PDB file of N, CA and C in Angstrom:
ATOM      1  N   MET A   1       0.824  -1.195  -0.009  1.00  0.00           N
ATOM      2  CA  MET A   1      -0.038   0.002   0.003  1.00  0.00           C
ATOM      3  C   MET A   1       0.904   1.243   0.005  1.00  0.00           C
ATOM      4  N   GLU A   2       0.490   2.277  -0.726  1.00  0.00           N
ATOM      5  CA  GLU A   2       1.284   3.514  -0.773  1.00  0.00           C
ATOM      6  C   GLU A   2       1.047   4.408   0.323  1.00  0.00           C
ATOM      7  N   PHE A   3       1.945   5.353   0.528  1.00  0.00           N
ATOM      8  CA  PHE A   3       1.775   6.291   1.537  1.00  0.00           C
ATOM      9  C   PHE A   3       0.517   7.017   1.546  1.00  0.00           C
ATOM     10  N   LYS A   4       0.100   7.536   0.390  1.00  0.00           N
ATOM     11  CA  LYS A   4      -1.104   8.287   0.288  1.00  0.00           C
ATOM     12  C   LYS A   4      -2.357   7.462   0.781  1.00  0.00           C
ATOM     13  N   ASP A   5      -2.320   6.284   0.473  1.00  0.00           N
ATOM     14  CA  ASP A   5      -3.460   5.349   0.933  1.00  0.00           C
ATOM     15  C   ASP A   5      -3.416   5.107   2.445  1.00  0.00           C
ATOM     16  N   ARG A   6      -2.229   4.863   2.903  1.00  0.00           N
ATOM     17  CA  ARG A   6      -2.039   4.656   4.424  1.00  0.00           C
ATOM     18  C   ARG A   6      -2.469   5.852   5.185  1.00  0.00           C
ATOM     19  N   LEU A   7      -2.030   6.979   4.645  1.00  0.00           N
ATOM     20  CA  LEU A   7      -2.393   8.284   5.384  1.00  0.00           C
ATOM     21  C   LEU A   7      -3.906   8.449   5.406  1.00  0.00           C
ATOM     22  N   ARG A   8      -4.574   8.267   4.281  1.00  0.00           N
ATOM     23  CA  ARG A   8      -5.941   8.403   4.258  1.00  0.00           C
ATOM     24  C   ARG A   8      -6.675   7.430   5.204  1.00  0.00           C
ATOM     25  N   ASP A   9      -6.250   6.032   5.152  1.00  0.00           N
ATOM     26  CA  ASP A   9      -6.814   5.144   6.007  1.00  0.00           C
ATOM     27  C   ASP A   9      -6.663   5.392   7.497  1.00  0.00           C
ATOM     28  N   LEU A  10      -5.477   5.883   7.860  1.00  0.00           N
ATOM     29  CA  LEU A  10      -5.230   6.240   9.294  1.00  0.00           C
ATOM     30  C   LEU A  10      -6.094   7.448   9.706  1.00  0.00           C
ATOM     31  N   ARG A  11      -6.216   8.415   8.778  1.00  0.00           N
ATOM     32  CA  ARG A  11      -7.040   9.583   9.131  1.00  0.00           C
ATOM     33  C   ARG A  11      -8.459   9.149   9.270  1.00  0.00           C
ATOM     34  N   LEU A  12      -8.990   8.361   8.364  1.00  0.00           N
ATOM     35  CA  LEU A  12     -10.422   8.015   8.512  1.00  0.00           C
ATOM     36  C   LEU A  12     -10.696   7.117   9.624  1.00  0.00           C
ATOM     37  N   ALA A  13      -9.752   6.293  10.061  1.00  0.00           N
ATOM     38  CA  ALA A  13      -9.964   5.442  11.215  1.00  0.00           C
ATOM     39  C   ALA A  13     -10.148   6.221  12.400  1.00  0.00           C
ATOM     40  N   ARG A  14      -9.655   7.448  12.479  1.00  0.00           N
ATOM     41  CA  ARG A  14      -9.859   8.373  13.633  1.00  0.00           C
ATOM     42  C   ARG A  14     -10.977   9.346  13.461  1.00  0.00           C
ATOM     43  N   SER A  15     -11.683   9.167  12.309  1.00  0.00           N
ATOM     44  CA  SER A  15     -12.733  10.063  11.952  1.00  0.00           C
ATOM     45  C   SER A  15     -12.386  11.566  11.829  1.00  0.00           C
ATOM     46  N   LEU A  16     -11.172  11.792  11.261  1.00  0.00           N
ATOM     47  CA  LEU A  16     -10.585  13.111  11.213  1.00  0.00           C
ATOM     48  C   LEU A  16     -10.860  13.665   9.770  1.00  0.00           C
ATOM     49  N   LYS A  17     -11.087  14.960   9.664  1.00  0.00           N
ATOM     50  CA  LYS A  17     -11.275  15.585   8.359  1.00  0.00           C
ATOM     51  C   LYS A  17      -9.846  16.027   7.891  1.00  0.00           C
ATOM     52  N   GLN A  18      -9.705  16.214   6.650  1.00  0.00           N
ATOM     53  CA  GLN A  18      -8.467  16.746   6.064  1.00  0.00           C
ATOM     54  C   GLN A  18      -8.088  18.071   6.638  1.00  0.00           C
ATOM     55  N   GLU A  19      -8.985  18.931   6.896  1.00  0.00           N
ATOM     56  CA  GLU A  19      -8.772  20.205   7.554  1.00  0.00           C
ATOM     57  C   GLU A  19      -8.081  20.085   8.903  1.00  0.00           C
ATOM     58  N   ALA A  20      -8.635  19.097   9.689  1.00  0.00           N
ATOM     59  CA  ALA A  20      -8.003  18.881  10.950  1.00  0.00           C
ATOM     60  C   ALA A  20      -6.540  18.434  10.907  1.00  0.00           C
ATOM     61  N   MET A  21      -6.303  17.559   9.939  1.00  0.00           N
ATOM     62  CA  MET A  21      -4.897  17.080   9.703  1.00  0.00           C
ATOM     63  C   MET A  21      -4.042  18.274   9.275  1.00  0.00           C
ATOM     64  N   ALA A  22      -4.494  19.067   8.446  1.00  0.00           N
ATOM     65  CA  ALA A  22      -3.691  20.194   7.933  1.00  0.00           C
ATOM     66  C   ALA A  22      -3.352  21.177   9.120  1.00  0.00           C
ATOM     67  N   ASP A  23      -4.373  21.299  10.020  1.00  0.00           N
ATOM     68  CA  ASP A  23      -4.157  22.168  11.191  1.00  0.00           C
ATOM     69  C   ASP A  23      -3.132  21.572  12.086  1.00  0.00           C
ATOM     70  N   LEU A  24      -3.226  20.220  12.325  1.00  0.00           N
ATOM     71  CA  LEU A  24      -2.190  19.574  13.151  1.00  0.00           C
ATOM     72  C   LEU A  24      -0.810  19.722  12.690  1.00  0.00           C
ATOM     73  N   LEU A  25      -0.677  19.668  11.287  1.00  0.00           N
ATOM     74  CA  LEU A  25       0.611  19.739  10.707  1.00  0.00           C
ATOM     75  C   LEU A  25       1.063  21.248  10.471  1.00  0.00           C
ATOM     76  N   ALA A  26       0.207  22.169  10.731  1.00  0.00           N
ATOM     77  CA  ALA A  26       0.407  23.541  10.536  1.00  0.00           C
ATOM     78  C   ALA A  26       0.789  23.842   9.059  1.00  0.00           C
ATOM     79  N   ILE A  27      -0.052  23.222   8.148  1.00  0.00           N
ATOM     80  CA  ILE A  27       0.130  23.447   6.665  1.00  0.00           C
ATOM     81  C   ILE A  27      -1.174  23.795   6.124  1.00  0.00           C
ATOM     82  N   LYS A  28      -1.157  24.241   4.911  1.00  0.00           N
ATOM     83  CA  LYS A  28      -2.380  24.599   4.209  1.00  0.00           C
ATOM     84  C   LYS A  28      -3.207  23.273   3.813  1.00  0.00           C
ATOM     85  N   LEU A  29      -4.479  23.428   3.726  1.00  0.00           N
ATOM     86  CA  LEU A  29      -5.327  22.298   3.419  1.00  0.00           C
ATOM     87  C   LEU A  29      -4.924  21.670   2.111  1.00  0.00           C
ATOM     88  N   ARG A  30      -4.651  22.493   1.107  1.00  0.00           N
ATOM     89  CA  ARG A  30      -4.148  22.042  -0.245  1.00  0.00           C
ATOM     90  C   ARG A  30      -2.913  21.191  -0.117  1.00  0.00           C
ATOM     91  N   ALA A  31      -1.998  21.592   0.725  1.00  0.00           N
ATOM     92  CA  ALA A  31      -0.725  20.859   0.894  1.00  0.00           C
ATOM     93  C   ALA A  31      -1.087  19.467   1.532  1.00  0.00           C
ATOM     94  N   TYR A  32      -1.929  19.387   2.525  1.00  0.00           N
ATOM     95  CA  TYR A  32      -2.325  18.138   3.045  1.00  0.00           C
ATOM     96  C   TYR A  32      -3.043  17.266   1.943  1.00  0.00           C
ATOM     97  N   GLN A  33      -3.977  17.876   1.197  1.00  0.00           N
ATOM     98  CA  GLN A  33      -4.694  17.062   0.207  1.00  0.00           C
ATOM     99  C   GLN A  33      -3.757  16.520  -0.822  1.00  0.00           C
ATOM    100  N   ASN A  34      -2.646  17.266  -1.104  1.00  0.00           N
ATOM    101  CA  ASN A  34      -1.630  16.760  -2.093  1.00  0.00           C
ATOM    102  C   ASN A  34      -0.966  15.470  -1.545  1.00  0.00           C
ATOM    103  N   TYR A  35      -0.851  15.387  -0.220  1.00  0.00           N
ATOM    104  CA  TYR A  35      -0.224  14.189   0.388  1.00  0.00           C
ATOM    105  C   TYR A  35      -1.189  13.006  -0.016  1.00  0.00           C
ATOM    106  N   GLU A  36      -2.432  13.214   0.309  1.00  0.00           N
ATOM    107  CA  GLU A  36      -3.402  12.116   0.068  1.00  0.00           C
ATOM    108  C   GLU A  36      -3.658  11.829  -1.434  1.00  0.00           C
ATOM    109  N   TYR A  37      -3.464  12.884  -2.238  1.00  0.00           N
ATOM    110  CA  TYR A  37      -3.627  12.580  -3.709  1.00  0.00           C
ATOM    111  C   TYR A  37      -2.355  11.956  -4.293  1.00  0.00           C
ATOM    112  N   GLY A  38      -1.267  12.003  -3.502  1.00  0.00           N
ATOM    113  CA  GLY A  38      -0.016  11.421  -3.979  1.00  0.00           C
ATOM    114  C   GLY A  38       0.751  12.350  -4.904  1.00  0.00           C
ATOM    115  N   THR A  39       0.418  13.637  -4.948  1.00  0.00           N
ATOM    116  CA  THR A  39       1.179  14.625  -5.732  1.00  0.00           C
ATOM    117  C   THR A  39       2.288  15.321  -5.068  1.00  0.00           C
ATOM    118  N   SER A  40       2.370  15.119  -3.742  1.00  0.00           N
ATOM    119  CA  SER A  40       3.515  15.637  -2.986  1.00  0.00           C
ATOM    120  C   SER A  40       3.640  14.762  -1.702  1.00  0.00           C
ATOM    121  N   PHE A  41       4.802  14.865  -1.107  1.00  0.00           N
ATOM    122  CA  PHE A  41       5.208  14.103  -0.010  1.00  0.00           C
ATOM    123  C   PHE A  41       5.700  14.990   1.223  1.00  0.00           C
ATOM    124  N   PRO A  42       5.344  14.633   2.420  1.00  0.00           N
ATOM    125  CA  PRO A  42       5.666  15.475   3.538  1.00  0.00           C
ATOM    126  C   PRO A  42       7.215  15.526   3.742  1.00  0.00           C
ATOM    127  N   ASN A  43       7.637  16.529   4.370  1.00  0.00           N
ATOM    128  CA  ASN A  43       9.112  16.545   4.741  1.00  0.00           C
ATOM    129  C   ASN A  43       9.301  15.576   5.976  1.00  0.00           C
ATOM    130  N   PHE A  44      10.498  15.454   6.278  1.00  0.00           N
ATOM    131  CA  PHE A  44      10.860  14.401   7.277  1.00  0.00           C
ATOM    132  C   PHE A  44      10.231  14.757   8.635  1.00  0.00           C
ATOM    133  N   LYS A  45      10.256  16.019   9.056  1.00  0.00           N
ATOM    134  CA  LYS A  45       9.649  16.404  10.298  1.00  0.00           C
ATOM    135  C   LYS A  45       8.171  16.110  10.364  1.00  0.00           C
ATOM    136  N   ASN A  46       7.477  16.331   9.287  1.00  0.00           N
ATOM    137  CA  ASN A  46       5.980  16.007   9.247  1.00  0.00           C
ATOM    138  C   ASN A  46       5.774  14.437   9.218  1.00  0.00           C
ATOM    139  N   LEU A  47       6.690  13.712   8.487  1.00  0.00           N
ATOM    140  CA  LEU A  47       6.563  12.213   8.475  1.00  0.00           C
ATOM    141  C   LEU A  47       6.638  11.757   9.975  1.00  0.00           C
ATOM    142  N   ILE A  48       7.619  12.230  10.674  1.00  0.00           N
ATOM    143  CA  ILE A  48       7.815  11.779  12.072  1.00  0.00           C
ATOM    144  C   ILE A  48       6.598  12.149  12.872  1.00  0.00           C
ATOM    145  N   PHE A  49       6.079  13.337  12.702  1.00  0.00           N
ATOM    146  CA  PHE A  49       4.884  13.727  13.450  1.00  0.00           C
ATOM    147  C   PHE A  49       3.761  12.808  13.175  1.00  0.00           C
ATOM    148  N   LEU A  50       3.524  12.497  11.887  1.00  0.00           N
ATOM    149  CA  LEU A  50       2.423  11.624  11.487  1.00  0.00           C
ATOM    150  C   LEU A  50       2.563  10.253  12.104  1.00  0.00           C
ATOM    151  N   ALA A  51       3.749   9.667  12.020  1.00  0.00           N
ATOM    152  CA  ALA A  51       4.014   8.288  12.588  1.00  0.00           C
ATOM    153  C   ALA A  51       3.759   8.376  14.149  1.00  0.00           C
ATOM    154  N   ASP A  52       4.181   9.431  14.827  1.00  0.00           N
ATOM    155  CA  ASP A  52       3.964   9.498  16.269  1.00  0.00           C
ATOM    156  C   ASP A  52       2.466   9.743  16.565  1.00  0.00           C
ATOM    157  N   TYR A  53       1.833  10.544  15.757  1.00  0.00           N
ATOM    158  CA  TYR A  53       0.442  10.864  16.013  1.00  0.00           C
ATOM    159  C   TYR A  53      -0.431   9.629  15.844  1.00  0.00           C
ATOM    160  N   PHE A  54      -0.211   8.822  14.753  1.00  0.00           N
ATOM    161  CA  PHE A  54      -0.997   7.633  14.535  1.00  0.00           C
ATOM    162  C   PHE A  54      -0.357   6.414  15.225  1.00  0.00           C
ATOM    163  N   ASP A  55       0.746   6.601  15.990  1.00  0.00           N
ATOM    164  CA  ASP A  55       1.382   5.505  16.713  1.00  0.00           C
ATOM    165  C   ASP A  55       1.667   4.295  15.701  1.00  0.00           C
ATOM    166  N   VAL A  56       2.331   4.592  14.710  1.00  0.00           N
ATOM    167  CA  VAL A  56       2.822   3.610  13.772  1.00  0.00           C
ATOM    168  C   VAL A  56       4.277   3.821  13.391  1.00  0.00           C
ATOM    169  N   SER A  57       4.838   2.809  12.807  1.00  0.00           N
ATOM    170  CA  SER A  57       6.246   2.994  12.377  1.00  0.00           C
ATOM    171  C   SER A  57       6.326   3.774  11.157  1.00  0.00           C
ATOM    172  N   LEU A  58       7.421   4.402  10.934  1.00  0.00           N
ATOM    173  CA  LEU A  58       7.670   5.126   9.686  1.00  0.00           C
ATOM    174  C   LEU A  58       7.614   4.142   8.508  1.00  0.00           C
ATOM    175  N   ASP A  59       8.183   3.019   8.625  1.00  0.00           N
ATOM    176  CA  ASP A  59       8.082   1.974   7.535  1.00  0.00           C
ATOM    177  C   ASP A  59       6.636   1.671   7.196  1.00  0.00           C
ATOM    178  N   TYR A  60       5.849   1.485   8.139  1.00  0.00           N
ATOM    179  CA  TYR A  60       4.371   1.292   7.934  1.00  0.00           C
ATOM    180  C   TYR A  60       3.726   2.438   7.199  1.00  0.00           C
ATOM    181  N   LEU A  61       4.015   3.575   7.717  1.00  0.00           N
ATOM    182  CA  LEU A  61       3.408   4.862   7.143  1.00  0.00           C
ATOM    183  C   LEU A  61       3.786   5.102   5.691  1.00  0.00           C
ATOM    184  N   VAL A  62       4.967   4.824   5.328  1.00  0.00           N
ATOM    185  CA  VAL A  62       5.434   5.077   3.958  1.00  0.00           C
ATOM    186  C   VAL A  62       5.187   3.802   3.087  1.00  0.00           C
ATOM    187  N   GLY A  63       4.624   2.699   3.579  1.00  0.00           N
ATOM    188  CA  GLY A  63       4.329   1.618   2.785  1.00  0.00           C
ATOM    189  C   GLY A  63       5.508   0.606   2.629  1.00  0.00           C
ATOM    190  N   ARG A  64       6.480   0.680   3.415  1.00  0.00           N
ATOM    191  CA  ARG A  64       7.605  -0.266   3.318  1.00  0.00           C
ATOM    192  C   ARG A  64       7.376  -1.556   4.167  1.00  0.00           C
ATOM    193  N   SER A  65       6.307  -1.484   4.975  1.00  0.00           N
ATOM    194  CA  SER A  65       5.992  -2.667   5.904  1.00  0.00           C
ATOM    195  C   SER A  65       4.525  -2.730   6.136  1.00  0.00           C
ATOM    196  N   ASP A  66       4.056  -3.949   6.383  1.00  0.00           N
ATOM    197  CA  ASP A  66       2.640  -4.050   6.724  1.00  0.00           C
ATOM    198  C   ASP A  66       2.520  -4.240   8.249  1.00  0.00           C
ATOM    199  N   ILE A  67       3.576  -4.032   9.006  1.00  0.00           N
ATOM    200  CA  ILE A  67       3.539  -4.123  10.519  1.00  0.00           C
ATOM    201  C   ILE A  67       3.390  -2.711  10.958  1.00  0.00           C
ATOM    202  N   ARG A  68       2.357  -2.507  11.724  1.00  0.00           N
ATOM    203  CA  ARG A  68       2.006  -1.138  12.209  1.00  0.00           C
ATOM    204  C   ARG A  68       2.745  -0.753  13.398  1.00  0.00           C
ATOM    205  N   GLU A  69       3.139  -1.699  14.293  1.00  0.00           N
ATOM    206  CA  GLU A  69       3.793  -1.407  15.540  1.00  0.00           C
ATOM    207  C   GLU A  69       5.180  -0.901  15.327  1.00  0.00           C
ATOM    208  N   ARG A  70       5.513   0.073  16.187  1.00  0.00           N
ATOM    209  CA  ARG A  70       6.934   0.541  16.319  1.00  0.00           C
ATOM    210  C   ARG A  70       7.737  -0.430  17.004  1.00  0.00           C
ATOM    211  N   ARG A  71       9.017  -0.456  16.696  1.00  0.00           N
ATOM    212  CA  ARG A  71       9.968  -1.366  17.332  1.00  0.00           C
ATOM    213  C   ARG A  71      10.814  -0.575  18.338  1.00  0.00           C
TER     214      ARG A  71
END
């Protein structure tokens, strides 16, 4: 599964709107939407924030692993 799909699934599992995610990341809504559309990718700082926020490993978040748990 690709990053964009994982991000969307994690967001929806918490019943969050895209606007709420953009606010959490302190970015514009369009920038966040581009993450979910797959047209852009977050910087490392935001990747770490997202992994911590959703309590998943970076490998899981970016689609390199199907194991959610952090080690």
